[in-house]
Amino acid sequence: MKPPILVSLCVCAAAAVARAQAPAVTGPAAALAARRPAPFPGAPVIRRGPLRIDTDGVIQDLNLRRRVIARDRWHKDDTSLRLDDGALDPTVVPYIVLPEGYHGARLGDLARVTYRGRAAWAVCGDRGPRRRFGEGSVALARRLGIDPDGRTGGADDGVLYEIFPRSARFAPRTQRELTTYLWRLELGLPAS
């Protein structure tokens, strides 16, 4: 008789092999696969529109920082949402920008953003111009397969934003905790 741990490892390994050999999901099925149930009660606020690239925040990688600032003349070293380690890094933290005066959500709330069958979780991390919805960080654009360049990147249309008001119940202290939490949501894992 095999020990229970060994049997458990064999089952996990077989499942991993089966997933690796499964064909990639494309077309309409990809959109359905991206639609995991939301882990928050209540209906989300739905918005559709573009994704303009927002590079605001403190970029830790100095080489990348120089390149981003050279290509985005509106860059500023701050975000409206600040954690214990400072302003968000737009190349690390997937975030969306809420228009000034927008009352459908607040800083720290979470959003699921979908583009062409790819979904990513983001935090409401910055405020932008009034009545101008549809900005997201470099990290969010990368996760969605959108060109992340601050000058020429973004998507003109076709981005779906599902913003979950009052979802900021998890209070991360650092950007690392926040990005780990967002990845866990994308993978369908418990928050803690």
Protein backbone atom coordinates (compact mmCIF):
# COMPACT_ATOMS: atom_id res chain seq x y z
CA MET A 1 0.00 0.00 0.00
CA LYS A 2 1.34 3.43 -0.96
CA PRO A 3 1.59 6.08 1.73
CA PRO A 4 -1.23 8.72 1.47
CA ILE A 5 1.26 11.53 0.77
CA LEU A 6 2.74 9.70 -2.21
CA VAL A 7 -0.74 8.97 -3.62
CA SER A 8 -1.66 12.63 -3.18
CA LEU A 9 1.51 13.74 -5.00
CA CYS A 10 0.81 11.32 -7.87
CA VAL A 11 -2.74 12.65 -8.27
CA CYS A 12 -1.47 16.25 -8.27
CA ALA A 13 1.24 15.42 -10.82
CA ALA A 14 -1.26 13.65 -13.10
CA ALA A 15 -3.60 16.64 -12.95
CA ALA A 16 -0.72 19.02 -13.80
CA VAL A 17 0.27 16.88 -16.80
CA ALA A 18 -3.33 16.78 -18.00
CA ARG A 19 -3.58 20.57 -17.76
CA ALA A 20 -0.30 21.03 -19.62
CA GLN A 21 -1.46 18.74 -22.45
CA ALA A 22 -4.90 20.35 -22.75
CA PRO A 23 -5.33 22.52 -25.84
CA ALA A 24 -5.34 26.29 -25.36
CA VAL A 25 -8.80 27.79 -24.96
CA THR A 26 -9.53 30.31 -27.73
CA GLY A 27 -12.46 32.19 -29.22
CA PRO A 28 -15.75 32.55 -27.33
CA ALA A 29 -14.70 29.83 -24.88
CA ALA A 30 -11.75 32.00 -23.81
CA ALA A 31 -14.11 34.78 -22.77
CA LEU A 32 -16.12 32.31 -20.69
CA ALA A 33 -12.94 30.94 -19.09
CA ALA A 34 -11.92 34.47 -18.11
CA ARG A 35 -15.24 35.01 -16.29
CA ARG A 36 -14.59 33.51 -12.88
CA PRO A 37 -17.27 34.25 -10.30
CA ALA A 38 -16.45 37.37 -8.31
CA PRO A 39 -15.43 36.77 -4.70
CA PHE A 40 -17.35 39.86 -3.54
CA PRO A 41 -21.03 40.28 -2.73
CA GLY A 42 -23.11 42.78 -4.64
CA ALA A 43 -23.24 43.79 -8.26
CA PRO A 44 -20.24 45.38 -9.91
CA VAL A 45 -20.31 48.74 -11.65
CA ILE A 46 -19.80 47.96 -15.35
CA ARG A 47 -17.95 50.31 -17.69
CA ARG A 48 -16.71 49.75 -21.25
CA GLY A 49 -14.17 51.80 -23.10
CA PRO A 50 -10.52 52.31 -23.88
CA LEU A 51 -7.43 51.60 -21.83
CA ARG A 52 -4.98 54.50 -21.88
CA ILE A 53 -1.65 53.83 -20.22
CA ASP A 54 -1.00 55.57 -16.89
CA THR A 55 2.64 55.62 -15.81
CA ASP A 56 2.18 57.63 -12.62
CA GLY A 57 3.91 56.33 -9.51
CA VAL A 58 7.42 55.59 -8.35
CA ILE A 59 9.13 53.13 -10.70
CA GLN A 60 11.72 51.20 -8.71
CA ASP A 61 13.76 49.88 -11.67
CA LEU A 62 15.96 52.90 -12.56
CA ASN A 63 16.62 51.88 -16.18
CA LEU A 64 12.94 51.31 -16.81
CA ARG A 65 12.13 54.56 -14.99
CA ARG A 66 14.34 56.58 -17.36
CA ARG A 67 12.73 54.98 -20.42
CA VAL A 68 9.17 55.50 -19.16
CA ILE A 69 9.70 59.12 -18.17
CA ALA A 70 11.35 59.87 -21.53
CA ARG A 71 8.24 58.58 -23.34
CA ASP A 72 5.52 60.06 -21.07
CA ARG A 73 5.66 63.80 -20.57
CA TRP A 74 2.72 63.70 -18.13
CA HIS A 75 4.39 61.24 -15.73
CA LYS A 76 4.34 62.17 -12.05
CA ASP A 77 5.98 60.33 -9.17
CA ASP A 78 2.80 59.86 -7.17
CA THR A 79 -0.49 57.96 -7.09
CA SER A 80 -3.59 58.78 -5.09
CA LEU A 81 -3.45 55.41 -3.32
CA ARG A 82 -0.36 55.15 -1.14
CA LEU A 83 0.78 52.15 0.86
CA ASP A 84 3.38 51.85 3.61
CA ASP A 85 6.11 51.64 0.95
CA GLY A 86 4.85 54.75 -0.87
CA ALA A 87 3.17 55.45 -4.19
CA LEU A 88 2.32 52.49 -6.43
CA ASP A 89 4.83 51.30 -9.03
CA PRO A 90 2.92 51.25 -12.36
CA THR A 91 5.23 48.56 -13.76
CA VAL A 92 4.48 46.21 -10.86
CA VAL A 93 0.98 46.93 -9.55
CA PRO A 94 -2.02 46.51 -11.86
CA TYR A 95 -4.26 49.49 -11.14
CA ILE A 96 -6.99 51.53 -12.80
CA VAL A 97 -7.55 55.27 -12.59
CA LEU A 98 -10.85 56.65 -11.31
CA PRO A 99 -12.00 60.04 -12.65
CA GLU A 100 -12.05 62.90 -10.12
CA GLY A 101 -15.49 63.12 -8.58
CA TYR A 102 -16.40 59.52 -9.52
CA HIS A 103 -18.59 58.07 -6.76
CA GLY A 104 -19.12 54.49 -8.05
CA ALA A 105 -16.03 53.24 -6.19
CA ARG A 106 -13.22 54.51 -4.02
CA LEU A 107 -9.47 54.10 -3.87
CA GLY A 108 -8.50 50.60 -2.77
CA ASP A 109 -11.58 48.93 -4.27
CA LEU A 110 -10.96 46.12 -6.73
CA ALA A 111 -11.84 45.72 -10.39
CA ARG A 112 -11.76 42.86 -12.86
CA VAL A 113 -10.65 44.14 -16.26
CA THR A 114 -11.21 42.07 -19.41
CA TYR A 115 -9.87 42.55 -22.93
CA ARG A 116 -10.14 40.05 -25.80
CA GLY A 117 -10.75 37.09 -23.50
CA ARG A 118 -7.99 37.92 -21.02
CA ALA A 119 -8.95 39.02 -17.53
CA ALA A 120 -6.86 40.62 -14.80
CA TRP A 121 -7.64 41.95 -11.33
CA ALA A 122 -6.61 45.49 -10.49
CA VAL A 123 -6.91 47.94 -7.64
CA CYS A 124 -8.44 51.41 -7.95
CA GLY A 125 -5.11 53.12 -7.41
CA ASP A 126 -5.16 56.64 -8.81
CA ARG A 127 -7.41 59.59 -9.63
CA GLY A 128 -7.45 61.27 -13.02
CA PRO A 129 -9.26 63.93 -15.02
CA ARG A 130 -12.97 64.42 -14.39
CA ARG A 131 -15.29 62.38 -16.68
CA ARG A 132 -12.35 60.59 -18.34
CA PHE A 133 -12.69 56.90 -17.61
CA GLY A 134 -10.37 54.26 -19.04
CA GLU A 135 -6.81 54.47 -17.75
CA GLY A 136 -4.71 51.67 -16.33
CA SER A 137 -1.15 50.97 -15.26
CA VAL A 138 1.65 49.46 -17.32
CA ALA A 139 1.37 46.23 -15.28
CA LEU A 140 -2.36 45.96 -16.04
CA ALA A 141 -1.78 46.48 -19.76
CA ARG A 142 0.86 43.74 -19.78
CA ARG A 143 -1.47 41.27 -18.05
CA LEU A 144 -4.14 41.99 -20.66
CA GLY A 145 -1.77 41.68 -23.63
CA ILE A 146 -2.04 45.40 -24.46
CA ASP A 147 0.96 47.49 -25.58
CA PRO A 148 2.14 49.14 -22.30
CA ASP A 149 3.99 52.09 -23.87
CA GLY A 150 2.97 55.38 -22.23
CA ARG A 151 2.96 57.29 -25.52
CA THR A 152 1.82 54.84 -28.21
CA GLY A 153 0.29 51.98 -26.21
CA GLY A 154 -3.16 51.22 -24.92
CA ALA A 155 -6.38 50.02 -26.50
CA ASP A 156 -8.87 52.31 -28.24
CA ASP A 157 -11.92 50.30 -27.23
CA GLY A 158 -13.16 46.89 -26.15
CA VAL A 159 -12.03 46.94 -22.51
CA LEU A 160 -14.59 45.84 -19.92
CA TYR A 161 -14.24 47.19 -16.36
CA GLU A 162 -16.14 45.46 -13.54
CA ILE A 163 -15.58 47.57 -10.44
CA PHE A 164 -16.63 46.14 -7.10
CA PRO A 165 -17.65 48.93 -4.69
CA ARG A 166 -16.72 48.37 -1.04
CA SER A 167 -14.34 45.54 -1.95
CA ALA A 168 -11.34 47.10 -0.23
CA ARG A 169 -11.75 44.84 2.80
CA PHE A 170 -8.21 43.49 2.44
CA ALA A 171 -5.87 46.24 3.56
CA PRO A 172 -2.40 45.51 2.17
CA ARG A 173 0.49 47.33 3.76
CA THR A 174 2.92 46.97 0.88
CA GLN A 175 2.86 46.67 -2.90
CA ARG A 176 4.13 43.11 -2.65
CA GLU A 177 1.15 42.11 -0.47
CA LEU A 178 -1.22 43.86 -2.89
CA THR A 179 0.16 42.19 -6.02
CA THR A 180 0.16 38.79 -4.30
CA TYR A 181 -3.49 39.32 -3.34
CA LEU A 182 -4.43 40.26 -6.94
CA TRP A 183 -2.63 37.19 -8.33
CA ARG A 184 -4.49 34.97 -5.86
CA LEU A 185 -7.79 36.44 -7.09
CA GLU A 186 -6.81 35.73 -10.72
CA LEU A 187 -5.98 32.13 -9.84
CA GLY A 188 -9.21 31.69 -7.87
CA LEU A 189 -7.38 31.08 -4.59
CA PRO A 190 -8.47 32.26 -1.13
CA ALA A 191 -7.20 35.70 -0.19
CA SER A 192 -5.14 34.63 2.81
